[in-house]
Amino acid sequence: MASADSDLIVRAAGGDPAAFQALVERHRSMVYRVAYQFAGNHHDAEDIAQEVFIKVYRSLDRFRQDAQLSSWMYRIVMNTCIDHRRRHQPAGAAPFGEEAEHKMLNTPEDAPGPEARAYAGELGQVLESEIGRLPKGQRIVFVMRHHQGMKLCEIADALGLAEGTVKRQLHAAVHRLRQALSQAHVGAGERA
């Protein structure tokens, strides 16, 4: 860990507000960027970032000094994003943001019709629901890989895991999601 972060962490954990503010300023852009990529809008990203820094402040005394602060904070951001989505997404709501909805409504003539879009929306709901049901480790790895576009080695570094562990968790998550989508597809076929 950078010695500057280490010094700031010790001082902030000891109650120095200026040291905590310096940590916030140093890591604000990373926290906001991840929150924005996950939430898709400025308002939610700001809410998530604020919640992250409250959690960081409350947990600084438990931070292991031999770990990387950025990796530890990244885990807090991802967990907060997932919790935020779960709390704020109405039951049955489509998992897409306004931009995706706009693209769906303004499609060229050769695009799928309303039935195909409805079916895709149902599958999207199933997928988002199943992502939320994944065990925490699998869910975080899946989101980092498929929502954030991170490489396996980056995920391993951010989470402090071996790359093989990340691969196993990702494989298990994808397997579970494929099964859920397959069952949803079969169920939709029976309704048709």
N, C-alpha and C. Protein backbone atom coordinates (compact mmCIF):
# COMPACT_ATOMS: atom_id res chain seq x y z
N MET A 1 0.85 -1.17 0.00
CA MET A 1 0.00 0.00 0.00
C MET A 1 0.89 1.23 0.00
N ALA A 2 0.43 2.27 -0.66
CA ALA A 2 1.19 3.52 -0.69
C ALA A 2 1.32 4.05 0.72
N SER A 3 2.53 4.53 1.05
CA SER A 3 2.76 5.01 2.42
C SER A 3 1.87 6.21 2.72
N ALA A 4 1.54 7.02 1.70
CA ALA A 4 0.66 8.16 1.93
C ALA A 4 -0.73 7.69 2.35
N ASP A 5 -1.25 6.65 1.68
CA ASP A 5 -2.54 6.09 2.09
C ASP A 5 -2.45 5.53 3.49
N SER A 6 -1.39 4.82 3.78
CA SER A 6 -1.21 4.19 5.08
C SER A 6 -1.26 5.24 6.19
N ASP A 7 -0.53 6.32 6.01
CA ASP A 7 -0.50 7.39 7.00
C ASP A 7 -1.88 8.02 7.15
N LEU A 8 -2.55 8.27 6.03
CA LEU A 8 -3.88 8.87 6.07
C LEU A 8 -4.88 7.95 6.76
N ILE A 9 -4.78 6.64 6.50
CA ILE A 9 -5.70 5.69 7.12
C ILE A 9 -5.53 5.69 8.64
N VAL A 10 -4.30 5.65 9.09
CA VAL A 10 -4.03 5.65 10.53
C VAL A 10 -4.59 6.92 11.17
N ARG A 11 -4.31 8.06 10.53
CA ARG A 11 -4.80 9.33 11.07
C ARG A 11 -6.32 9.43 11.02
N ALA A 12 -6.93 8.99 9.90
CA ALA A 12 -8.39 9.05 9.77
C ALA A 12 -9.06 8.11 10.77
N ALA A 13 -8.52 6.91 10.95
CA ALA A 13 -9.07 5.96 11.91
C ALA A 13 -8.96 6.51 13.33
N GLY A 14 -7.97 7.37 13.54
CA GLY A 14 -7.79 8.00 14.84
C GLY A 14 -8.68 9.23 15.04
N GLY A 15 -9.48 9.56 14.04
CA GLY A 15 -10.43 10.66 14.20
C GLY A 15 -10.03 11.96 13.52
N ASP A 16 -9.00 11.96 12.69
CA ASP A 16 -8.56 13.18 12.00
C ASP A 16 -9.44 13.41 10.76
N PRO A 17 -10.34 14.39 10.79
CA PRO A 17 -11.24 14.62 9.65
C PRO A 17 -10.50 15.05 8.38
N ALA A 18 -9.42 15.79 8.53
CA ALA A 18 -8.66 16.23 7.36
C ALA A 18 -8.03 15.03 6.65
N ALA A 19 -7.58 14.04 7.40
CA ALA A 19 -6.98 12.85 6.81
C ALA A 19 -8.05 12.05 6.06
N PHE A 20 -9.24 11.95 6.65
CA PHE A 20 -10.31 11.23 5.96
C PHE A 20 -10.72 11.97 4.69
N GLN A 21 -10.81 13.29 4.77
CA GLN A 21 -11.15 14.08 3.58
C GLN A 21 -10.11 13.88 2.48
N ALA A 22 -8.84 13.78 2.85
CA ALA A 22 -7.78 13.55 1.86
C ALA A 22 -7.96 12.18 1.21
N LEU A 23 -8.35 11.17 1.99
CA LEU A 23 -8.61 9.84 1.42
C LEU A 23 -9.80 9.90 0.45
N VAL A 24 -10.84 10.61 0.84
CA VAL A 24 -12.01 10.75 -0.02
C VAL A 24 -11.60 11.40 -1.34
N GLU A 25 -10.86 12.49 -1.27
CA GLU A 25 -10.45 13.19 -2.49
C GLU A 25 -9.57 12.30 -3.37
N ARG A 26 -8.72 11.52 -2.75
CA ARG A 26 -7.81 10.66 -3.50
C ARG A 26 -8.54 9.54 -4.23
N HIS A 27 -9.63 9.04 -3.66
CA HIS A 27 -10.32 7.86 -4.22
C HIS A 27 -11.72 8.17 -4.76
N ARG A 28 -12.14 9.41 -4.70
CA ARG A 28 -13.49 9.79 -5.14
C ARG A 28 -13.75 9.43 -6.59
N SER A 29 -12.81 9.69 -7.47
CA SER A 29 -13.07 9.46 -8.91
C SER A 29 -13.28 7.97 -9.19
N MET A 30 -12.49 7.09 -8.57
CA MET A 30 -12.66 5.65 -8.78
C MET A 30 -14.02 5.20 -8.26
N VAL A 31 -14.39 5.64 -7.08
CA VAL A 31 -15.66 5.24 -6.48
C VAL A 31 -16.82 5.72 -7.35
N TYR A 32 -16.77 6.97 -7.75
CA TYR A 32 -17.86 7.52 -8.57
C TYR A 32 -17.93 6.81 -9.92
N ARG A 33 -16.78 6.58 -10.54
CA ARG A 33 -16.76 5.94 -11.87
C ARG A 33 -17.40 4.56 -11.82
N VAL A 34 -17.04 3.77 -10.84
CA VAL A 34 -17.60 2.42 -10.71
C VAL A 34 -19.10 2.52 -10.42
N ALA A 35 -19.48 3.41 -9.52
CA ALA A 35 -20.90 3.57 -9.18
C ALA A 35 -21.69 4.03 -10.40
N TYR A 36 -21.13 4.94 -11.18
CA TYR A 36 -21.84 5.45 -12.36
C TYR A 36 -21.98 4.35 -13.42
N GLN A 37 -20.93 3.59 -13.62
CA GLN A 37 -21.01 2.50 -14.60
C GLN A 37 -22.06 1.48 -14.19
N PHE A 38 -22.19 1.26 -12.92
CA PHE A 38 -23.15 0.28 -12.42
C PHE A 38 -24.57 0.85 -12.45
N ALA A 39 -24.74 2.09 -11.98
CA ALA A 39 -26.07 2.69 -11.84
C ALA A 39 -26.58 3.30 -13.14
N GLY A 40 -25.67 3.86 -13.92
CA GLY A 40 -26.06 4.45 -15.19
C GLY A 40 -26.58 5.87 -15.12
N ASN A 41 -26.56 6.48 -13.94
CA ASN A 41 -26.99 7.88 -13.86
C ASN A 41 -26.27 8.57 -12.71
N HIS A 42 -26.17 9.89 -12.85
CA HIS A 42 -25.40 10.70 -11.90
C HIS A 42 -26.01 10.68 -10.50
N HIS A 43 -27.32 10.80 -10.40
CA HIS A 43 -27.98 10.88 -9.10
C HIS A 43 -27.70 9.63 -8.25
N ASP A 44 -27.94 8.45 -8.83
CA ASP A 44 -27.70 7.21 -8.09
C ASP A 44 -26.22 7.01 -7.81
N ALA A 45 -25.36 7.39 -8.77
CA ALA A 45 -23.92 7.25 -8.55
C ALA A 45 -23.46 8.10 -7.37
N GLU A 46 -24.00 9.30 -7.25
CA GLU A 46 -23.66 10.17 -6.11
C GLU A 46 -24.14 9.55 -4.80
N ASP A 47 -25.36 9.02 -4.80
CA ASP A 47 -25.89 8.37 -3.60
C ASP A 47 -25.03 7.19 -3.19
N ILE A 48 -24.65 6.38 -4.18
CA ILE A 48 -23.82 5.20 -3.90
C ILE A 48 -22.47 5.63 -3.36
N ALA A 49 -21.86 6.63 -4.00
CA ALA A 49 -20.54 7.10 -3.55
C ALA A 49 -20.60 7.60 -2.11
N GLN A 50 -21.63 8.35 -1.79
CA GLN A 50 -21.77 8.86 -0.42
C GLN A 50 -21.90 7.69 0.56
N GLU A 51 -22.71 6.72 0.21
CA GLU A 51 -22.88 5.55 1.07
C GLU A 51 -21.56 4.78 1.24
N VAL A 52 -20.80 4.68 0.15
CA VAL A 52 -19.51 3.99 0.21
C VAL A 52 -18.59 4.68 1.21
N PHE A 53 -18.48 6.00 1.13
CA PHE A 53 -17.56 6.70 2.02
C PHE A 53 -18.02 6.67 3.48
N ILE A 54 -19.32 6.58 3.69
CA ILE A 54 -19.81 6.40 5.07
C ILE A 54 -19.36 5.03 5.59
N LYS A 55 -19.50 4.00 4.74
CA LYS A 55 -19.07 2.65 5.14
C LYS A 55 -17.56 2.61 5.37
N VAL A 56 -16.80 3.27 4.49
CA VAL A 56 -15.35 3.30 4.64
C VAL A 56 -14.99 3.96 5.97
N TYR A 57 -15.61 5.09 6.27
CA TYR A 57 -15.32 5.81 7.50
C TYR A 57 -15.59 4.93 8.73
N ARG A 58 -16.72 4.23 8.69
CA ARG A 58 -17.09 3.39 9.83
C ARG A 58 -16.21 2.15 9.96
N SER A 59 -15.54 1.77 8.89
CA SER A 59 -14.77 0.52 8.88
C SER A 59 -13.26 0.72 8.89
N LEU A 60 -12.80 1.95 8.86
CA LEU A 60 -11.35 2.18 8.75
C LEU A 60 -10.55 1.51 9.87
N ASP A 61 -11.10 1.45 11.06
CA ASP A 61 -10.36 0.85 12.17
C ASP A 61 -10.19 -0.66 11.98
N ARG A 62 -10.98 -1.27 11.09
CA ARG A 62 -10.86 -2.71 10.83
C ARG A 62 -10.07 -3.01 9.56
N PHE A 63 -9.62 -1.97 8.86
CA PHE A 63 -8.87 -2.18 7.63
C PHE A 63 -7.50 -2.79 7.94
N ARG A 64 -7.17 -3.87 7.19
CA ARG A 64 -5.86 -4.52 7.36
C ARG A 64 -4.80 -3.69 6.65
N GLN A 65 -3.82 -3.25 7.36
CA GLN A 65 -2.80 -2.38 6.78
C GLN A 65 -1.96 -3.07 5.70
N ASP A 66 -1.99 -4.41 5.66
CA ASP A 66 -1.20 -5.10 4.64
C ASP A 66 -1.97 -5.24 3.31
N ALA A 67 -3.23 -4.82 3.29
CA ALA A 67 -4.05 -4.90 2.08
C ALA A 67 -3.97 -3.59 1.30
N GLN A 68 -4.42 -3.63 0.04
CA GLN A 68 -4.47 -2.42 -0.75
C GLN A 68 -5.78 -1.70 -0.48
N LEU A 69 -5.71 -0.43 -0.18
CA LEU A 69 -6.91 0.34 0.11
C LEU A 69 -7.84 0.36 -1.10
N SER A 70 -7.32 0.51 -2.30
CA SER A 70 -8.17 0.59 -3.48
C SER A 70 -8.95 -0.71 -3.70
N SER A 71 -8.33 -1.85 -3.46
CA SER A 71 -9.03 -3.13 -3.61
C SER A 71 -10.13 -3.28 -2.56
N TRP A 72 -9.82 -2.89 -1.34
CA TRP A 72 -10.78 -2.95 -0.25
C TRP A 72 -11.97 -2.03 -0.57
N MET A 73 -11.69 -0.84 -1.04
CA MET A 73 -12.74 0.11 -1.38
C MET A 73 -13.56 -0.39 -2.57
N TYR A 74 -12.92 -1.03 -3.53
CA TYR A 74 -13.63 -1.55 -4.69
C TYR A 74 -14.68 -2.58 -4.26
N ARG A 75 -14.31 -3.43 -3.33
CA ARG A 75 -15.27 -4.41 -2.82
C ARG A 75 -16.46 -3.72 -2.16
N ILE A 76 -16.18 -2.67 -1.41
CA ILE A 76 -17.26 -1.93 -0.75
C ILE A 76 -18.16 -1.28 -1.81
N VAL A 77 -17.56 -0.71 -2.85
CA VAL A 77 -18.35 -0.08 -3.92
C VAL A 77 -19.25 -1.11 -4.59
N MET A 78 -18.71 -2.26 -4.96
CA MET A 78 -19.50 -3.27 -5.66
C MET A 78 -20.65 -3.77 -4.77
N ASN A 79 -20.38 -4.03 -3.52
CA ASN A 79 -21.44 -4.49 -2.62
C ASN A 79 -22.51 -3.42 -2.44
N THR A 80 -22.09 -2.16 -2.35
CA THR A 80 -23.02 -1.06 -2.19
C THR A 80 -23.87 -0.89 -3.45
N CYS A 81 -23.27 -1.04 -4.61
CA CYS A 81 -24.00 -0.95 -5.87
C CYS A 81 -25.08 -2.04 -5.95
N ILE A 82 -24.71 -3.24 -5.61
CA ILE A 82 -25.66 -4.35 -5.66
C ILE A 82 -26.79 -4.12 -4.66
N ASP A 83 -26.44 -3.69 -3.46
CA ASP A 83 -27.47 -3.41 -2.46
C ASP A 83 -28.38 -2.27 -2.90
N HIS A 84 -27.79 -1.24 -3.50
CA HIS A 84 -28.55 -0.09 -3.97
C HIS A 84 -29.56 -0.52 -5.04
N ARG A 85 -29.11 -1.32 -5.98
CA ARG A 85 -30.01 -1.79 -7.05
C ARG A 85 -31.15 -2.61 -6.45
N ARG A 86 -30.83 -3.45 -5.51
CA ARG A 86 -31.85 -4.30 -4.90
C ARG A 86 -32.89 -3.46 -4.16
N ARG A 87 -32.43 -2.42 -3.47
CA ARG A 87 -33.35 -1.56 -2.70
C ARG A 87 -34.21 -0.67 -3.58
N HIS A 88 -33.66 -0.21 -4.71
CA HIS A 88 -34.34 0.80 -5.50
C HIS A 88 -35.02 0.31 -6.77
N GLN A 89 -34.87 -0.95 -7.12
CA GLN A 89 -35.51 -1.45 -8.33
C GLN A 89 -36.87 -2.01 -7.95
N PRO A 90 -37.93 -1.42 -8.49
CA PRO A 90 -39.27 -1.92 -8.16
C PRO A 90 -39.43 -3.37 -8.62
N ALA A 91 -40.26 -4.11 -7.92
CA ALA A 91 -40.50 -5.50 -8.29
C ALA A 91 -41.08 -5.54 -9.70
N GLY A 92 -40.53 -6.39 -10.54
CA GLY A 92 -41.01 -6.55 -11.90
C GLY A 92 -40.49 -5.50 -12.87
N ALA A 93 -39.64 -4.57 -12.40
CA ALA A 93 -39.13 -3.54 -13.30
C ALA A 93 -38.09 -4.13 -14.23
N ALA A 94 -38.02 -3.59 -15.43
CA ALA A 94 -37.00 -4.03 -16.38
C ALA A 94 -35.63 -3.64 -15.87
N PRO A 95 -34.61 -4.45 -16.10
CA PRO A 95 -33.29 -4.18 -15.56
C PRO A 95 -32.52 -3.14 -16.35
N PHE A 96 -33.16 -2.52 -17.33
CA PHE A 96 -32.45 -1.59 -18.19
C PHE A 96 -32.63 -0.17 -17.71
N GLY A 97 -31.68 0.68 -18.02
CA GLY A 97 -31.77 2.10 -17.72
C GLY A 97 -32.54 2.83 -18.81
N GLU A 98 -32.67 4.14 -18.66
CA GLU A 98 -33.41 4.95 -19.62
C GLU A 98 -32.79 4.87 -21.01
N GLU A 99 -31.48 4.84 -21.09
CA GLU A 99 -30.81 4.80 -22.39
C GLU A 99 -31.19 3.53 -23.16
N ALA A 100 -31.18 2.40 -22.49
CA ALA A 100 -31.54 1.15 -23.15
C ALA A 100 -33.01 1.16 -23.55
N GLU A 101 -33.84 1.72 -22.69
CA GLU A 101 -35.26 1.81 -23.01
C GLU A 101 -35.47 2.70 -24.24
N HIS A 102 -34.77 3.82 -24.30
CA HIS A 102 -34.86 4.72 -25.45
C HIS A 102 -34.46 4.00 -26.74
N LYS A 103 -33.38 3.23 -26.68
CA LYS A 103 -32.93 2.50 -27.87
C LYS A 103 -33.98 1.48 -28.29
N MET A 104 -34.62 0.83 -27.31
CA MET A 104 -35.63 -0.17 -27.66
C MET A 104 -36.84 0.47 -28.33
N LEU A 105 -37.22 1.66 -27.88
CA LEU A 105 -38.41 2.31 -28.42
C LEU A 105 -38.14 2.98 -29.76
N ASN A 106 -36.90 3.29 -30.07
CA ASN A 106 -36.54 3.97 -31.30
C ASN A 106 -35.66 3.09 -32.16
N THR A 107 -36.17 1.94 -32.54
CA THR A 107 -35.39 0.96 -33.28
C THR A 107 -35.69 1.06 -34.77
N PRO A 108 -34.76 0.65 -35.63
CA PRO A 108 -35.03 0.63 -37.06
C PRO A 108 -36.08 -0.43 -37.39
N GLU A 109 -36.58 -0.39 -38.59
CA GLU A 109 -37.69 -1.26 -38.98
C GLU A 109 -37.33 -2.73 -39.01
N ASP A 110 -36.05 -3.07 -39.19
CA ASP A 110 -35.67 -4.47 -39.23
C ASP A 110 -35.39 -5.02 -37.83
N ALA A 111 -35.64 -4.22 -36.81
CA ALA A 111 -35.41 -4.64 -35.43
C ALA A 111 -36.54 -5.58 -35.00
N PRO A 112 -36.31 -6.32 -33.92
CA PRO A 112 -37.34 -7.24 -33.43
C PRO A 112 -38.64 -6.50 -33.12
N GLY A 113 -39.74 -7.19 -33.31
CA GLY A 113 -41.05 -6.62 -33.04
C GLY A 113 -41.36 -6.60 -31.55
N PRO A 114 -42.57 -6.13 -31.22
CA PRO A 114 -42.95 -6.01 -29.81
C PRO A 114 -42.91 -7.32 -29.03
N GLU A 115 -43.29 -8.43 -29.67
CA GLU A 115 -43.26 -9.72 -28.97
C GLU A 115 -41.83 -10.13 -28.62
N ALA A 116 -40.92 -9.96 -29.58
CA ALA A 116 -39.52 -10.31 -29.33
C ALA A 116 -38.93 -9.42 -28.25
N ARG A 117 -39.28 -8.11 -28.28
CA ARG A 117 -38.76 -7.20 -27.25
C ARG A 117 -39.33 -7.55 -25.88
N ALA A 118 -40.61 -7.93 -25.84
CA ALA A 118 -41.22 -8.32 -24.57
C ALA A 118 -40.54 -9.56 -24.01
N TYR A 119 -40.28 -10.52 -24.90
CA TYR A 119 -39.60 -11.75 -24.47
C TYR A 119 -38.19 -11.43 -23.96
N ALA A 120 -37.49 -10.55 -24.70
CA ALA A 120 -36.14 -10.14 -24.27
C ALA A 120 -36.21 -9.45 -22.92
N GLY A 121 -37.25 -8.64 -22.71
CA GLY A 121 -37.42 -7.98 -21.42
C GLY A 121 -37.66 -8.97 -20.29
N GLU A 122 -38.45 -10.01 -20.58
CA GLU A 122 -38.69 -11.05 -19.58
C GLU A 122 -37.40 -11.77 -19.24
N LEU A 123 -36.61 -12.10 -20.27
CA LEU A 123 -35.33 -12.77 -20.01
C LEU A 123 -34.39 -11.86 -19.23
N GLY A 124 -34.41 -10.56 -19.56
CA GLY A 124 -33.58 -9.61 -18.81
C GLY A 124 -33.97 -9.56 -17.35
N GLN A 125 -35.27 -9.61 -17.08
CA GLN A 125 -35.74 -9.62 -15.69
C GLN A 125 -35.29 -10.88 -14.98
N VAL A 126 -35.41 -12.01 -15.67
CA VAL A 126 -34.97 -13.28 -15.08
C VAL A 126 -33.48 -13.21 -14.78
N LEU A 127 -32.71 -12.71 -15.75
CA LEU A 127 -31.26 -12.62 -15.57
C LEU A 127 -30.90 -11.74 -14.38
N GLU A 128 -31.48 -10.54 -14.30
CA GLU A 128 -31.18 -9.65 -13.19
C GLU A 128 -31.59 -10.27 -11.86
N SER A 129 -32.73 -10.93 -11.85
CA SER A 129 -33.20 -11.58 -10.64
C SER A 129 -32.23 -12.69 -10.21
N GLU A 130 -31.79 -13.48 -11.18
CA GLU A 130 -30.87 -14.59 -10.88
C GLU A 130 -29.49 -14.07 -10.47
N ILE A 131 -29.04 -12.97 -11.06
CA ILE A 131 -27.76 -12.38 -10.62
C ILE A 131 -27.86 -12.02 -9.15
N GLY A 132 -28.99 -11.46 -8.75
CA GLY A 132 -29.20 -11.10 -7.34
C GLY A 132 -29.24 -12.30 -6.41
N ARG A 133 -29.55 -13.48 -6.95
CA ARG A 133 -29.62 -14.71 -6.13
C ARG A 133 -28.29 -15.45 -6.06
N LEU A 134 -27.35 -15.07 -6.90
CA LEU A 134 -26.05 -15.75 -6.86
C LEU A 134 -25.41 -15.59 -5.49
N PRO A 135 -24.63 -16.56 -5.04
CA PRO A 135 -23.85 -16.35 -3.81
C PRO A 135 -22.97 -15.10 -3.98
N LYS A 136 -22.75 -14.41 -2.90
CA LYS A 136 -22.09 -13.11 -2.94
C LYS A 136 -20.80 -13.11 -3.76
N GLY A 137 -19.93 -14.07 -3.55
CA GLY A 137 -18.65 -14.11 -4.27
C GLY A 137 -18.85 -14.26 -5.76
N GLN A 138 -19.75 -15.15 -6.16
CA GLN A 138 -20.03 -15.35 -7.58
C GLN A 138 -20.64 -14.10 -8.20
N ARG A 139 -21.56 -13.47 -7.46
CA ARG A 139 -22.24 -12.27 -7.95
C ARG A 139 -21.24 -11.15 -8.20
N ILE A 140 -20.35 -10.91 -7.25
CA ILE A 140 -19.38 -9.82 -7.40
C ILE A 140 -18.47 -10.09 -8.59
N VAL A 141 -17.97 -11.32 -8.71
CA VAL A 141 -17.08 -11.65 -9.83
C VAL A 141 -17.82 -11.50 -11.16
N PHE A 142 -19.06 -11.98 -11.22
CA PHE A 142 -19.84 -11.88 -12.46
C PHE A 142 -20.06 -10.43 -12.85
N VAL A 143 -20.45 -9.60 -11.90
CA VAL A 143 -20.71 -8.19 -12.19
C VAL A 143 -19.43 -7.48 -12.62
N MET A 144 -18.33 -7.75 -11.93
CA MET A 144 -17.07 -7.11 -12.30
C MET A 144 -16.65 -7.50 -13.72
N ARG A 145 -16.87 -8.76 -14.08
CA ARG A 145 -16.46 -9.23 -15.40
C ARG A 145 -17.42 -8.76 -16.49
N HIS A 146 -18.72 -8.94 -16.27
CA HIS A 146 -19.67 -8.72 -17.35
C HIS A 146 -20.35 -7.35 -17.33
N HIS A 147 -20.39 -6.67 -16.19
CA HIS A 147 -20.93 -5.32 -16.16
C HIS A 147 -19.81 -4.29 -16.23
N GLN A 148 -18.70 -4.58 -15.59
CA GLN A 148 -17.59 -3.63 -15.58
C GLN A 148 -16.56 -3.90 -16.66
N GLY A 149 -16.59 -5.10 -17.24
CA GLY A 149 -15.66 -5.44 -18.32
C GLY A 149 -14.23 -5.63 -17.85
N MET A 150 -14.05 -5.99 -16.58
CA MET A 150 -12.70 -6.16 -16.05
C MET A 150 -12.12 -7.51 -16.47
N LYS A 151 -10.80 -7.55 -16.60
CA LYS A 151 -10.09 -8.79 -16.90
C LYS A 151 -10.02 -9.63 -15.62
N LEU A 152 -9.85 -10.93 -15.81
CA LEU A 152 -9.80 -11.83 -14.65
C LEU A 152 -8.68 -11.46 -13.69
N CYS A 153 -7.52 -11.09 -14.23
CA CYS A 153 -6.40 -10.73 -13.36
C CYS A 153 -6.71 -9.46 -12.57
N GLU A 154 -7.45 -8.52 -13.18
CA GLU A 154 -7.84 -7.29 -12.47
C GLU A 154 -8.83 -7.60 -11.35
N ILE A 155 -9.75 -8.50 -11.63
CA ILE A 155 -10.73 -8.90 -10.61
C ILE A 155 -10.01 -9.57 -9.45
N ALA A 156 -9.10 -10.47 -9.79
CA ALA A 156 -8.35 -11.18 -8.75
C ALA A 156 -7.59 -10.20 -7.87
N ASP A 157 -6.95 -9.22 -8.50
CA ASP A 157 -6.19 -8.22 -7.75
C ASP A 157 -7.11 -7.38 -6.88
N ALA A 158 -8.24 -6.93 -7.44
CA ALA A 158 -9.16 -6.08 -6.70
C ALA A 158 -9.77 -6.80 -5.50
N LEU A 159 -10.02 -8.09 -5.64
CA LEU A 159 -10.66 -8.84 -4.57
C LEU A 159 -9.67 -9.57 -3.66
N GLY A 160 -8.40 -9.54 -4.03
CA GLY A 160 -7.40 -10.23 -3.23
C GLY A 160 -7.54 -11.74 -3.30
N LEU A 161 -7.94 -12.24 -4.48
CA LEU A 161 -8.12 -13.68 -4.68
C LEU A 161 -7.13 -14.19 -5.72
N ALA A 162 -6.94 -15.50 -5.73
CA ALA A 162 -6.15 -16.13 -6.79
C ALA A 162 -6.97 -16.09 -8.07
N GLU A 163 -6.31 -15.97 -9.21
CA GLU A 163 -7.02 -15.91 -10.48
C GLU A 163 -7.83 -17.19 -10.71
N GLY A 164 -7.31 -18.33 -10.27
CA GLY A 164 -8.04 -19.59 -10.41
C GLY A 164 -9.36 -19.57 -9.64
N THR A 165 -9.36 -18.95 -8.47
CA THR A 165 -10.58 -18.82 -7.68
C THR A 165 -11.60 -17.96 -8.41
N VAL A 166 -11.12 -16.87 -9.01
CA VAL A 166 -12.00 -15.99 -9.77
C VAL A 166 -12.61 -16.76 -10.95
N LYS A 167 -11.79 -17.54 -11.65
CA LYS A 167 -12.28 -18.33 -12.80
C LYS A 167 -13.35 -19.32 -12.35
N ARG A 168 -13.11 -20.00 -11.22
CA ARG A 168 -14.09 -20.97 -10.72
C ARG A 168 -15.40 -20.30 -10.35
N GLN A 169 -15.31 -19.16 -9.67
CA GLN A 169 -16.53 -18.46 -9.26
C GLN A 169 -17.29 -17.94 -10.49
N LEU A 170 -16.56 -17.43 -11.47
CA LEU A 170 -17.20 -16.94 -12.69
C LEU A 170 -17.87 -18.09 -13.44
N HIS A 171 -17.17 -19.21 -13.55
CA HIS A 171 -17.73 -20.38 -14.23
C HIS A 171 -19.00 -20.85 -13.53
N ALA A 172 -18.97 -20.92 -12.21
CA ALA A 172 -20.14 -21.36 -11.45
C ALA A 172 -21.30 -20.38 -11.64
N ALA A 173 -21.01 -19.09 -11.65
CA ALA A 173 -22.06 -18.08 -11.83
C ALA A 173 -22.69 -18.21 -13.22
N VAL A 174 -21.86 -18.33 -14.24
CA VAL A 174 -22.37 -18.45 -15.61
C VAL A 174 -23.20 -19.72 -15.76
N HIS A 175 -22.75 -20.81 -15.17
CA HIS A 175 -23.49 -22.07 -15.23
C HIS A 175 -24.88 -21.90 -14.60
N ARG A 176 -24.94 -21.30 -13.43
CA ARG A 176 -26.23 -21.09 -12.75
C ARG A 176 -27.14 -20.20 -13.57
N LEU A 177 -26.58 -19.14 -14.14
CA LEU A 177 -27.39 -18.21 -14.93
C LEU A 177 -27.90 -18.86 -16.21
N ARG A 178 -27.06 -19.68 -16.85
CA ARG A 178 -27.51 -20.39 -18.05
C ARG A 178 -28.67 -21.33 -17.72
N GLN A 179 -28.57 -22.02 -16.61
CA GLN A 179 -29.65 -22.91 -16.20
C GLN A 179 -30.94 -22.12 -15.99
N ALA A 180 -30.84 -21.00 -15.31
CA ALA A 180 -32.03 -20.18 -15.04
C ALA A 180 -32.64 -19.65 -16.33
N LEU A 181 -31.79 -19.20 -17.27
CA LEU A 181 -32.30 -18.70 -18.54
C LEU A 181 -32.90 -19.82 -19.37
N SER A 182 -32.30 -21.00 -19.30
CA SER A 182 -32.83 -22.14 -20.03
C SER A 182 -34.21 -22.51 -19.51
N GLN A 183 -34.37 -22.51 -18.21
CA GLN A 183 -35.67 -22.81 -17.61
C GLN A 183 -36.69 -21.74 -17.97
N ALA A 184 -36.26 -20.47 -18.00
CA ALA A 184 -37.17 -19.38 -18.39
C ALA A 184 -37.58 -19.53 -19.84
N HIS A 185 -36.64 -19.95 -20.69
CA HIS A 185 -36.92 -20.14 -22.12
C HIS A 185 -37.94 -21.27 -22.31
N VAL A 186 -37.75 -22.36 -21.57
CA VAL A 186 -38.67 -23.48 -21.66
C VAL A 186 -40.05 -23.05 -21.19
N GLY A 187 -40.10 -22.31 -20.09
CA GLY A 187 -41.37 -21.81 -19.56
C GLY A 187 -42.07 -20.89 -20.54
N ALA A 188 -41.32 -20.05 -21.23
CA ALA A 188 -41.91 -19.14 -22.22
C ALA A 188 -42.44 -19.94 -23.41
N GLY A 189 -41.74 -21.00 -23.80
CA GLY A 189 -42.17 -21.83 -24.90
C GLY A 189 -43.46 -22.55 -24.59
N GLU A 190 -43.65 -22.93 -23.32
CA GLU A 190 -44.88 -23.61 -22.92
C GLU A 190 -46.07 -22.66 -22.95
N ARG A 191 -45.81 -21.36 -22.69
CA ARG A 191 -46.89 -20.37 -22.70
C ARG A 191 -47.31 -20.02 -24.11
N ALA A 192 -46.40 -20.18 -25.10
CA ALA A 192 -46.69 -19.75 -26.47
C ALA A 192 -47.71 -20.64 -27.15
